[in-house]
N, C-alpha and C. Protein backbone atom coordinates (compact mmCIF):
# COMPACT_ATOMS: atom_id res chain seq x y z
N UNK A 1 -15.41 36.30 -51.88
CA UNK A 1 -15.50 35.95 -50.46
C UNK A 1 -15.60 37.16 -49.71
N UNK A 2 -16.58 37.20 -48.75
CA UNK A 2 -16.73 38.35 -47.83
C UNK A 2 -16.17 37.99 -46.48
N UNK A 3 -16.29 38.93 -45.53
CA UNK A 3 -15.65 38.86 -44.26
C UNK A 3 -16.30 37.76 -43.38
N UNK A 4 -17.49 37.29 -43.74
CA UNK A 4 -18.21 36.34 -42.83
C UNK A 4 -17.87 34.98 -43.44
N UNK A 5 -17.33 34.80 -44.62
CA UNK A 5 -17.09 33.50 -45.21
C UNK A 5 -15.67 33.10 -44.71
N UNK A 6 -15.60 31.92 -44.06
CA UNK A 6 -14.33 31.42 -43.73
C UNK A 6 -13.47 30.96 -44.84
N UNK A 7 -12.15 31.11 -44.76
CA UNK A 7 -11.31 30.56 -45.78
C UNK A 7 -10.69 29.21 -45.31
N UNK A 8 -10.59 28.34 -46.18
CA UNK A 8 -10.00 27.02 -45.82
C UNK A 8 -8.80 26.75 -46.52
N UNK A 9 -7.85 26.02 -46.01
CA UNK A 9 -6.73 25.45 -46.73
C UNK A 9 -6.96 23.96 -46.83
N UNK A 10 -6.54 23.42 -47.95
CA UNK A 10 -6.54 21.99 -48.15
C UNK A 10 -5.40 21.38 -47.39
N UNK A 11 -5.73 20.22 -46.74
CA UNK A 11 -4.57 19.54 -46.02
C UNK A 11 -3.59 18.94 -46.93
N UNK A 12 -2.31 18.99 -46.51
CA UNK A 12 -1.30 18.26 -47.52
C UNK A 12 -1.60 16.77 -47.54
N UNK A 13 -0.99 16.10 -48.41
CA UNK A 13 -1.24 14.67 -48.63
C UNK A 13 -0.87 13.95 -47.40
N UNK A 14 -1.58 12.83 -47.21
CA UNK A 14 -1.32 12.00 -46.06
C UNK A 14 -0.85 10.60 -46.47
N UNK A 15 -1.68 9.64 -46.16
CA UNK A 15 -1.24 8.28 -46.49
C UNK A 15 -1.24 7.97 -47.99
N UNK A 16 -0.25 7.31 -48.47
CA UNK A 16 -0.25 6.76 -49.84
C UNK A 16 -0.94 5.25 -49.58
N UNK A 17 -1.37 4.59 -50.61
CA UNK A 17 -1.98 3.25 -50.33
C UNK A 17 -0.97 2.24 -49.65
N UNK A 18 0.44 2.46 -49.96
CA UNK A 18 1.42 1.63 -49.34
C UNK A 18 1.50 1.94 -47.90
N UNK A 19 1.50 3.21 -47.59
CA UNK A 19 1.78 3.59 -46.14
C UNK A 19 0.51 3.22 -45.41
N UNK A 20 -0.74 3.31 -46.00
CA UNK A 20 -1.93 2.89 -45.28
C UNK A 20 -1.90 1.43 -44.90
N UNK A 21 -1.49 0.58 -45.89
CA UNK A 21 -1.37 -0.87 -45.68
C UNK A 21 -0.31 -1.04 -44.54
N UNK A 22 0.69 -0.37 -44.54
CA UNK A 22 1.79 -0.59 -43.52
C UNK A 22 1.15 -0.12 -42.09
N UNK A 23 0.49 0.96 -42.16
CA UNK A 23 -0.22 1.45 -40.88
C UNK A 23 -1.18 0.40 -40.35
N UNK A 24 -1.94 -0.24 -41.28
CA UNK A 24 -2.94 -1.16 -40.96
C UNK A 24 -2.36 -2.39 -40.37
N UNK A 25 -1.11 -2.77 -40.94
CA UNK A 25 -0.48 -4.11 -40.56
C UNK A 25 0.37 -3.84 -39.29
N UNK A 26 1.08 -2.70 -39.20
CA UNK A 26 1.99 -2.54 -38.06
C UNK A 26 1.49 -1.53 -37.02
N UNK A 27 0.57 -0.69 -37.40
CA UNK A 27 0.07 0.29 -36.39
C UNK A 27 0.90 1.53 -36.30
N UNK A 28 1.95 1.60 -37.13
CA UNK A 28 2.88 2.68 -37.13
C UNK A 28 3.53 2.84 -38.52
N UNK A 29 3.89 4.04 -38.77
CA UNK A 29 4.65 4.24 -40.06
C UNK A 29 5.75 5.23 -39.69
N UNK A 30 6.81 5.17 -40.52
CA UNK A 30 7.91 6.13 -40.42
C UNK A 30 7.75 7.03 -41.70
N UNK A 31 7.76 8.22 -41.50
CA UNK A 31 7.79 9.21 -42.56
C UNK A 31 9.19 9.97 -42.67
N UNK A 32 10.06 9.49 -43.63
CA UNK A 32 11.35 10.16 -43.69
C UNK A 32 11.13 11.56 -44.09
N UNK A 33 12.03 12.37 -43.48
CA UNK A 33 12.22 13.87 -43.83
C UNK A 33 10.89 14.59 -43.69
N UNK A 34 10.09 14.23 -42.81
CA UNK A 34 8.89 15.04 -42.57
C UNK A 34 9.17 16.36 -41.94
N UNK A 35 10.16 16.54 -41.28
CA UNK A 35 10.58 17.74 -40.66
C UNK A 35 12.03 18.20 -41.08
N UNK A 36 12.21 19.37 -41.09
CA UNK A 36 13.50 19.90 -41.50
C UNK A 36 14.52 19.95 -40.23
N UNK A 37 15.81 19.96 -40.59
CA UNK A 37 16.73 20.03 -39.48
C UNK A 37 16.63 21.35 -38.75
N UNK A 38 16.36 22.33 -39.32
CA UNK A 38 16.19 23.70 -38.49
C UNK A 38 15.02 23.53 -37.62
N UNK A 39 14.00 23.00 -37.98
CA UNK A 39 12.83 22.82 -37.15
C UNK A 39 13.20 21.98 -35.93
N UNK A 40 13.71 20.88 -36.20
CA UNK A 40 14.04 20.00 -35.06
C UNK A 40 15.06 20.60 -34.12
N UNK A 41 15.97 21.28 -34.67
CA UNK A 41 17.04 22.03 -33.82
C UNK A 41 16.12 23.07 -32.90
N UNK A 42 15.28 23.74 -33.58
CA UNK A 42 14.44 24.76 -32.76
C UNK A 42 13.69 24.14 -31.63
N UNK A 43 12.93 22.99 -32.06
CA UNK A 43 12.19 22.34 -31.00
C UNK A 43 12.88 21.74 -29.92
N UNK A 44 14.20 21.11 -30.17
CA UNK A 44 14.95 20.64 -29.14
C UNK A 44 15.55 21.65 -28.30
N UNK A 45 15.83 22.83 -28.86
CA UNK A 45 16.37 23.97 -27.99
C UNK A 45 15.31 24.39 -27.11
N UNK A 46 14.10 24.55 -27.59
CA UNK A 46 12.92 24.98 -26.66
C UNK A 46 12.65 23.99 -25.58
N UNK A 47 12.80 22.65 -25.81
CA UNK A 47 12.67 21.67 -24.85
C UNK A 47 13.74 21.83 -23.71
N UNK A 48 14.92 22.08 -24.24
CA UNK A 48 16.07 22.34 -23.24
C UNK A 48 15.77 23.52 -22.39
N UNK A 49 15.37 24.73 -23.06
CA UNK A 49 15.07 25.86 -22.27
C UNK A 49 14.01 25.52 -21.17
N UNK A 50 13.01 24.85 -21.58
CA UNK A 50 11.87 24.65 -20.66
C UNK A 50 12.29 23.54 -19.51
N UNK A 51 13.21 22.53 -19.89
CA UNK A 51 13.76 21.74 -18.95
C UNK A 51 14.48 22.42 -17.96
N UNK A 52 15.40 23.24 -18.40
CA UNK A 52 16.28 24.00 -17.48
C UNK A 52 15.38 24.93 -16.53
N UNK A 53 14.34 25.59 -17.16
CA UNK A 53 13.60 26.49 -16.36
C UNK A 53 12.68 25.70 -15.25
N UNK A 54 12.47 24.45 -15.60
CA UNK A 54 11.84 23.58 -14.58
C UNK A 54 12.77 22.91 -13.58
N UNK A 55 14.13 23.32 -13.63
CA UNK A 55 15.01 22.80 -12.75
C UNK A 55 15.51 21.31 -12.91
N UNK A 56 15.11 20.69 -14.00
CA UNK A 56 15.42 19.31 -14.23
C UNK A 56 16.93 19.13 -14.79
N UNK A 57 17.67 18.20 -14.33
CA UNK A 57 18.89 17.89 -14.82
C UNK A 57 18.78 17.12 -16.26
N UNK A 58 19.80 17.29 -17.08
CA UNK A 58 19.96 16.62 -18.28
C UNK A 58 19.75 15.05 -18.00
N UNK A 59 18.95 14.48 -18.81
CA UNK A 59 18.76 13.03 -18.61
C UNK A 59 17.60 12.61 -17.49
N UNK A 60 17.34 13.71 -16.78
CA UNK A 60 16.20 13.40 -15.83
C UNK A 60 14.98 13.42 -16.38
N UNK A 61 13.92 12.62 -15.90
CA UNK A 61 12.58 12.58 -16.55
C UNK A 61 12.04 13.96 -16.44
N UNK A 62 11.43 14.39 -17.72
CA UNK A 62 10.87 15.78 -17.78
C UNK A 62 9.60 15.58 -18.61
N UNK A 63 8.57 16.14 -18.11
CA UNK A 63 7.19 16.17 -18.85
C UNK A 63 6.78 17.49 -18.79
N UNK A 64 5.90 17.84 -19.75
CA UNK A 64 5.43 19.20 -19.81
C UNK A 64 3.98 19.25 -20.48
N UNK A 65 3.03 19.87 -19.72
CA UNK A 65 1.70 20.07 -20.24
C UNK A 65 1.57 21.39 -20.98
N UNK A 66 0.70 21.47 -21.92
CA UNK A 66 0.43 22.66 -22.56
C UNK A 66 1.67 23.36 -23.10
N UNK A 67 2.52 22.51 -23.77
CA UNK A 67 3.80 22.96 -24.22
C UNK A 67 3.69 24.12 -25.28
N UNK A 68 2.66 24.27 -25.99
CA UNK A 68 2.44 25.31 -26.99
C UNK A 68 2.36 26.64 -26.29
N UNK A 69 1.81 26.60 -25.13
CA UNK A 69 1.65 27.89 -24.37
C UNK A 69 2.91 28.22 -23.80
N UNK A 70 3.95 27.30 -23.56
CA UNK A 70 5.14 27.49 -22.80
C UNK A 70 6.27 28.10 -23.71
N UNK A 71 6.14 27.84 -25.00
CA UNK A 71 7.17 28.37 -25.97
C UNK A 71 6.51 28.50 -27.36
N UNK A 72 6.44 29.66 -27.94
CA UNK A 72 5.83 29.77 -29.19
C UNK A 72 6.36 28.93 -30.39
N UNK A 73 7.61 28.46 -30.26
CA UNK A 73 8.23 27.65 -31.28
C UNK A 73 7.32 26.35 -31.59
N UNK A 74 6.69 25.96 -30.49
CA UNK A 74 5.89 24.66 -30.62
C UNK A 74 4.63 24.91 -31.42
N UNK A 75 4.17 26.09 -31.64
CA UNK A 75 2.98 26.39 -32.34
C UNK A 75 3.10 25.83 -33.85
N UNK A 76 4.31 25.80 -34.25
CA UNK A 76 4.68 25.23 -35.59
C UNK A 76 4.39 23.76 -35.63
N UNK A 77 4.30 23.07 -34.67
CA UNK A 77 4.16 21.54 -34.63
C UNK A 77 2.71 21.34 -34.90
N UNK A 78 1.84 22.10 -34.33
CA UNK A 78 0.45 21.72 -34.36
C UNK A 78 -0.16 21.50 -35.65
N UNK A 79 0.08 22.33 -36.69
CA UNK A 79 -0.40 22.00 -37.98
C UNK A 79 0.63 21.97 -39.05
N UNK A 80 1.68 21.15 -38.60
CA UNK A 80 2.89 21.10 -39.56
C UNK A 80 2.49 20.13 -40.75
N UNK A 81 2.80 20.65 -41.98
CA UNK A 81 2.49 19.82 -43.16
C UNK A 81 3.08 18.40 -43.12
N UNK A 82 4.23 18.26 -42.26
CA UNK A 82 4.90 16.91 -42.29
C UNK A 82 3.99 15.81 -41.62
N UNK A 83 3.00 16.17 -41.01
CA UNK A 83 2.03 15.09 -40.39
C UNK A 83 0.60 15.50 -40.48
N UNK A 84 0.20 16.68 -40.79
CA UNK A 84 -1.13 17.14 -40.87
C UNK A 84 -2.07 16.23 -41.80
N UNK A 85 -1.46 15.88 -42.95
CA UNK A 85 -2.39 15.10 -43.91
C UNK A 85 -2.80 13.74 -43.34
N UNK A 86 -1.79 13.20 -42.44
CA UNK A 86 -2.16 11.92 -41.71
C UNK A 86 -3.28 12.16 -40.69
N UNK A 87 -3.05 13.19 -40.07
CA UNK A 87 -4.24 13.55 -39.07
C UNK A 87 -5.49 13.61 -39.77
N UNK A 88 -5.62 14.30 -40.86
CA UNK A 88 -6.93 14.47 -41.60
C UNK A 88 -7.48 13.09 -42.16
N UNK A 89 -6.45 12.24 -42.62
CA UNK A 89 -6.84 10.99 -43.13
C UNK A 89 -7.57 10.13 -42.03
N UNK A 90 -6.90 10.20 -40.71
CA UNK A 90 -7.33 9.37 -39.66
C UNK A 90 -8.59 9.98 -38.99
N UNK A 91 -8.68 11.29 -38.88
CA UNK A 91 -9.76 11.95 -38.04
C UNK A 91 -10.76 12.78 -38.81
N UNK A 92 -10.36 13.19 -39.99
CA UNK A 92 -11.18 14.06 -40.75
C UNK A 92 -11.14 15.40 -40.37
N UNK A 93 -12.00 16.30 -40.78
CA UNK A 93 -12.09 17.64 -40.45
C UNK A 93 -12.54 17.77 -38.95
N UNK A 94 -11.87 18.59 -38.20
CA UNK A 94 -12.22 18.67 -36.74
C UNK A 94 -12.69 19.99 -36.45
C-alpha cells in the first residue's frame, strides 16, 4: 500500500438473523452490553459538565447540538463497535 491508497477497516458484526427479524417486527432492538461501564460513566460525566456549563439545573430539559465538538469524549461514540455494525447493515458504506 502506498500513501495514496486509503486504508479501510472492516465494520464489526451487526444484525444476526434473529436480531434482524426482531428489528423488522418491532422497529427496535436491545443490544445487551454494547458499551462498557467506564464508557457510559465517561459519557454521563461529560453530559453533566456540559449541562452545568449551560446553566441548566439537574432534571431540567437540556439539549445539545454538535456534542462531539463540545467534549472530545463523545468522539468515541461516533464509530463505536457496539453499534457501528448495525449502522453499516442499515446504511452501507457512507
